[in-house]
Amino acid sequence: MQGRPVLVGGGVVTAASYEAKAFGARPPMNEREARRLCPQAITLAPRMEAYSTASAAAFEIFHDTSPLVEGLSIDEASLDVSGLARLVGDGPSIATT
């Protein structure tokens, strides 16, 4: 499916490939509207169990990095890494450690 427009969702778009976004389709758009903008898109059903497993693994890494983690969504979080600056260095250094 590489290089093709892809929509993930079931009524509401939960994710869209860059190719689909180029046509204006994006989350959390109604799937009908997204298909109107990008009729050639492939639509896939969401796999919530896989997303939850991946999210838990990512959050485990976040918590190993900082005790101050604020979850924003299933795939987003803010981490307070200010205490690591003396040990590791600047932001990019912290991110790659």
N, C-alpha and C. Protein backbone atom coordinates (compact mmCIF):
# COMPACT_ATOMS: atom_id res chain seq x y z
N MET A 1 0.81 -1.19 0.00
CA MET A 1 0.00 0.00 0.00
C MET A 1 0.86 1.26 0.00
N GLN A 2 2.15 1.04 -0.02
CA GLN A 2 3.06 2.17 0.01
C GLN A 2 2.82 3.08 -1.20
N GLY A 3 2.71 4.38 -0.92
CA GLY A 3 2.51 5.35 -1.98
C GLY A 3 1.06 5.56 -2.37
N ARG A 4 0.14 4.80 -1.77
CA ARG A 4 -1.28 4.93 -2.09
C ARG A 4 -2.02 5.62 -0.96
N PRO A 5 -3.11 6.34 -1.27
CA PRO A 5 -3.88 6.97 -0.20
C PRO A 5 -4.63 5.93 0.62
N VAL A 6 -4.46 6.00 1.94
CA VAL A 6 -5.08 5.04 2.84
C VAL A 6 -5.79 5.80 3.96
N LEU A 7 -7.00 5.36 4.28
CA LEU A 7 -7.78 5.89 5.40
C LEU A 7 -8.00 4.75 6.39
N VAL A 8 -7.89 5.04 7.67
CA VAL A 8 -8.21 4.07 8.71
C VAL A 8 -9.40 4.61 9.48
N GLY A 9 -10.42 3.77 9.63
CA GLY A 9 -11.57 4.22 10.39
C GLY A 9 -12.79 3.39 10.10
N GLY A 10 -13.82 3.71 10.84
CA GLY A 10 -15.10 3.06 10.68
C GLY A 10 -16.19 4.08 10.96
N GLY A 11 -16.43 4.97 10.02
CA GLY A 11 -17.38 6.06 10.21
C GLY A 11 -16.66 7.39 10.38
N VAL A 12 -15.60 7.36 11.18
CA VAL A 12 -14.75 8.54 11.38
C VAL A 12 -13.32 8.14 11.06
N VAL A 13 -12.61 8.97 10.33
CA VAL A 13 -11.22 8.69 9.98
C VAL A 13 -10.37 8.85 11.24
N THR A 14 -9.67 7.77 11.63
CA THR A 14 -8.80 7.84 12.79
C THR A 14 -7.34 8.05 12.39
N ALA A 15 -7.00 7.75 11.13
CA ALA A 15 -5.65 7.98 10.61
C ALA A 15 -5.75 8.07 9.10
N ALA A 16 -4.83 8.84 8.52
CA ALA A 16 -4.79 8.97 7.07
C ALA A 16 -3.33 9.03 6.64
N SER A 17 -3.03 8.37 5.52
CA SER A 17 -1.66 8.41 5.01
C SER A 17 -1.37 9.80 4.44
N TYR A 18 -0.09 10.10 4.25
CA TYR A 18 0.28 11.39 3.67
C TYR A 18 -0.37 11.58 2.30
N GLU A 19 -0.49 10.47 1.56
CA GLU A 19 -1.10 10.55 0.23
C GLU A 19 -2.57 10.94 0.33
N ALA A 20 -3.29 10.43 1.31
CA ALA A 20 -4.70 10.80 1.51
C ALA A 20 -4.82 12.23 2.02
N LYS A 21 -3.90 12.62 2.89
CA LYS A 21 -3.91 13.99 3.41
C LYS A 21 -3.68 15.01 2.31
N ALA A 22 -2.93 14.64 1.29
CA ALA A 22 -2.69 15.54 0.16
C ALA A 22 -3.99 15.93 -0.54
N PHE A 23 -5.02 15.08 -0.44
CA PHE A 23 -6.33 15.36 -1.02
C PHE A 23 -7.25 16.08 -0.05
N GLY A 24 -6.78 16.30 1.18
CA GLY A 24 -7.58 17.00 2.19
C GLY A 24 -8.23 16.09 3.21
N ALA A 25 -8.07 14.78 3.09
CA ALA A 25 -8.64 13.85 4.06
C ALA A 25 -7.75 13.81 5.29
N ARG A 26 -8.36 13.90 6.48
CA ARG A 26 -7.58 13.85 7.72
C ARG A 26 -8.49 13.51 8.90
N PRO A 27 -7.89 12.99 9.96
CA PRO A 27 -8.68 12.72 11.16
C PRO A 27 -9.06 14.02 11.84
N PRO A 28 -10.14 14.11 12.52
CA PRO A 28 -11.21 13.14 12.74
C PRO A 28 -12.38 13.39 11.79
N MET A 29 -12.11 13.48 10.53
CA MET A 29 -13.12 13.76 9.51
C MET A 29 -14.10 12.59 9.35
N ASN A 30 -15.33 12.91 9.03
CA ASN A 30 -16.32 11.90 8.68
C ASN A 30 -15.79 11.12 7.48
N GLU A 31 -15.91 9.80 7.54
CA GLU A 31 -15.36 8.97 6.47
C GLU A 31 -15.99 9.26 5.11
N ARG A 32 -17.28 9.58 5.10
CA ARG A 32 -17.94 9.92 3.83
C ARG A 32 -17.30 11.14 3.17
N GLU A 33 -17.02 12.16 3.99
CA GLU A 33 -16.39 13.37 3.47
C GLU A 33 -14.97 13.07 2.97
N ALA A 34 -14.25 12.25 3.70
CA ALA A 34 -12.89 11.88 3.29
C ALA A 34 -12.92 11.12 1.97
N ARG A 35 -13.90 10.23 1.79
CA ARG A 35 -14.00 9.47 0.53
C ARG A 35 -14.43 10.38 -0.63
N ARG A 36 -15.20 11.42 -0.33
CA ARG A 36 -15.57 12.38 -1.36
C ARG A 36 -14.32 13.12 -1.85
N LEU A 37 -13.46 13.51 -0.90
CA LEU A 37 -12.23 14.22 -1.25
C LEU A 37 -11.20 13.32 -1.92
N CYS A 38 -11.20 12.05 -1.53
CA CYS A 38 -10.19 11.11 -2.02
C CYS A 38 -10.84 9.76 -2.33
N PRO A 39 -11.61 9.70 -3.43
CA PRO A 39 -12.37 8.48 -3.74
C PRO A 39 -11.50 7.26 -4.02
N GLN A 40 -10.27 7.47 -4.40
CA GLN A 40 -9.38 6.34 -4.72
C GLN A 40 -8.70 5.75 -3.48
N ALA A 41 -9.00 6.29 -2.31
CA ALA A 41 -8.37 5.82 -1.07
C ALA A 41 -8.80 4.40 -0.72
N ILE A 42 -7.88 3.69 -0.14
CA ILE A 42 -8.16 2.37 0.42
C ILE A 42 -8.58 2.61 1.87
N THR A 43 -9.66 1.98 2.31
CA THR A 43 -10.11 2.14 3.68
C THR A 43 -9.85 0.87 4.47
N LEU A 44 -9.21 1.00 5.61
CA LEU A 44 -8.91 -0.13 6.48
C LEU A 44 -9.61 0.05 7.82
N ALA A 45 -10.01 -1.05 8.40
CA ALA A 45 -10.62 -1.01 9.74
C ALA A 45 -9.52 -0.79 10.78
N PRO A 46 -9.81 -0.04 11.83
CA PRO A 46 -8.81 0.14 12.88
C PRO A 46 -8.56 -1.16 13.63
N ARG A 47 -7.33 -1.32 14.13
CA ARG A 47 -6.96 -2.51 14.91
C ARG A 47 -6.61 -2.04 16.32
N MET A 48 -7.63 -1.78 17.12
CA MET A 48 -7.44 -1.18 18.44
C MET A 48 -6.56 -2.01 19.36
N GLU A 49 -6.63 -3.32 19.28
CA GLU A 49 -5.78 -4.15 20.14
C GLU A 49 -4.31 -3.91 19.82
N ALA A 50 -3.97 -3.83 18.54
CA ALA A 50 -2.58 -3.57 18.15
C ALA A 50 -2.15 -2.18 18.58
N TYR A 51 -3.04 -1.18 18.44
CA TYR A 51 -2.71 0.19 18.86
C TYR A 51 -2.49 0.24 20.36
N SER A 52 -3.34 -0.44 21.13
CA SER A 52 -3.21 -0.44 22.59
C SER A 52 -1.90 -1.09 23.03
N THR A 53 -1.52 -2.18 22.38
CA THR A 53 -0.26 -2.86 22.69
C THR A 53 0.93 -1.95 22.39
N ALA A 54 0.91 -1.31 21.23
CA ALA A 54 2.00 -0.40 20.86
C ALA A 54 2.05 0.80 21.80
N SER A 55 0.89 1.32 22.18
CA SER A 55 0.83 2.45 23.09
C SER A 55 1.42 2.09 24.45
N ALA A 56 1.08 0.92 24.97
CA ALA A 56 1.61 0.49 26.26
C ALA A 56 3.13 0.36 26.21
N ALA A 57 3.65 -0.16 25.09
CA ALA A 57 5.11 -0.29 24.94
C ALA A 57 5.78 1.09 24.90
N ALA A 58 5.17 2.02 24.18
CA ALA A 58 5.73 3.38 24.10
C ALA A 58 5.69 4.06 25.46
N PHE A 59 4.59 3.93 26.18
CA PHE A 59 4.48 4.57 27.49
C PHE A 59 5.43 3.94 28.50
N GLU A 60 5.75 2.66 28.34
CA GLU A 60 6.75 2.03 29.20
C GLU A 60 8.12 2.69 29.00
N ILE A 61 8.44 2.97 27.75
CA ILE A 61 9.70 3.68 27.45
C ILE A 61 9.67 5.08 28.04
N PHE A 62 8.53 5.77 27.90
CA PHE A 62 8.41 7.12 28.46
C PHE A 62 8.66 7.10 29.96
N HIS A 63 8.04 6.14 30.66
CA HIS A 63 8.17 6.06 32.11
C HIS A 63 9.58 5.63 32.53
N ASP A 64 10.29 4.90 31.67
CA ASP A 64 11.68 4.57 31.94
C ASP A 64 12.58 5.79 31.78
N THR A 65 12.12 6.77 30.99
CA THR A 65 12.88 7.98 30.72
C THR A 65 12.65 9.05 31.77
N SER A 66 11.40 9.19 32.21
CA SER A 66 11.05 10.25 33.16
C SER A 66 9.91 9.81 34.06
N PRO A 67 9.96 10.19 35.34
CA PRO A 67 8.84 9.86 36.21
C PRO A 67 7.63 10.78 35.98
N LEU A 68 7.85 11.86 35.23
CA LEU A 68 6.77 12.83 34.97
C LEU A 68 6.32 12.71 33.52
N VAL A 69 5.30 11.88 33.31
CA VAL A 69 4.75 11.64 31.97
C VAL A 69 3.28 12.02 31.99
N GLU A 70 2.90 12.88 31.06
CA GLU A 70 1.49 13.27 30.94
C GLU A 70 0.96 12.72 29.61
N GLY A 71 0.11 11.70 29.70
CA GLY A 71 -0.48 11.14 28.49
C GLY A 71 -1.49 12.10 27.89
N LEU A 72 -1.38 12.32 26.59
CA LEU A 72 -2.29 13.22 25.88
C LEU A 72 -3.30 12.43 25.05
N SER A 73 -2.89 11.28 24.55
CA SER A 73 -3.77 10.41 23.77
C SER A 73 -3.12 9.04 23.75
N ILE A 74 -3.64 8.15 22.94
CA ILE A 74 -3.10 6.79 22.85
C ILE A 74 -1.68 6.79 22.29
N ASP A 75 -1.32 7.85 21.53
CA ASP A 75 0.00 7.88 20.92
C ASP A 75 0.76 9.19 21.14
N GLU A 76 0.37 9.95 22.14
CA GLU A 76 1.05 11.21 22.43
C GLU A 76 1.21 11.39 23.93
N ALA A 77 2.36 11.97 24.31
CA ALA A 77 2.61 12.26 25.72
C ALA A 77 3.62 13.39 25.81
N SER A 78 3.58 14.07 26.94
CA SER A 78 4.59 15.08 27.27
C SER A 78 5.40 14.52 28.42
N LEU A 79 6.72 14.64 28.32
CA LEU A 79 7.63 14.17 29.35
C LEU A 79 8.42 15.34 29.89
N ASP A 80 8.57 15.42 31.20
CA ASP A 80 9.44 16.41 31.81
C ASP A 80 10.83 15.78 31.91
N VAL A 81 11.73 16.21 31.05
CA VAL A 81 13.09 15.66 31.02
C VAL A 81 14.11 16.67 31.49
N SER A 82 13.65 17.72 32.16
CA SER A 82 14.56 18.78 32.59
C SER A 82 15.65 18.26 33.52
N GLY A 83 15.36 17.23 34.30
CA GLY A 83 16.35 16.67 35.20
C GLY A 83 17.45 15.90 34.49
N LEU A 84 17.25 15.56 33.23
CA LEU A 84 18.26 14.80 32.49
C LEU A 84 19.30 15.69 31.81
N ALA A 85 19.07 16.97 31.76
CA ALA A 85 19.97 17.87 31.03
C ALA A 85 21.41 17.75 31.52
N ARG A 86 21.62 17.71 32.83
CA ARG A 86 22.99 17.61 33.36
C ARG A 86 23.63 16.26 33.05
N LEU A 87 22.82 15.21 33.05
CA LEU A 87 23.35 13.86 32.83
C LEU A 87 23.59 13.54 31.36
N VAL A 88 22.67 13.97 30.51
CA VAL A 88 22.68 13.54 29.11
C VAL A 88 22.98 14.67 28.14
N GLY A 89 22.49 15.85 28.40
CA GLY A 89 22.72 16.98 27.50
C GLY A 89 21.42 17.60 27.05
N ASP A 90 21.43 18.12 25.85
CA ASP A 90 20.28 18.84 25.31
C ASP A 90 19.17 17.89 24.86
N GLY A 91 18.05 18.48 24.41
CA GLY A 91 16.87 17.69 24.01
C GLY A 91 17.15 16.59 23.01
N PRO A 92 17.82 16.89 21.88
CA PRO A 92 18.11 15.82 20.92
C PRO A 92 18.95 14.68 21.52
N SER A 93 19.87 15.03 22.41
CA SER A 93 20.68 14.00 23.07
C SER A 93 19.83 13.12 23.96
N ILE A 94 18.90 13.74 24.69
CA ILE A 94 17.99 12.99 25.56
C ILE A 94 17.13 12.05 24.72
N ALA A 95 16.63 12.55 23.61
CA ALA A 95 15.73 11.76 22.75
C ALA A 95 16.41 10.55 22.15
N THR A 96 17.71 10.63 21.91
CA THR A 96 18.39 9.52 21.26
C THR A 96 19.09 8.59 22.24
N THR A 97 19.01 8.92 23.53
CA THR A 97 19.67 8.08 24.54
C THR A 97 18.82 6.87 24.87
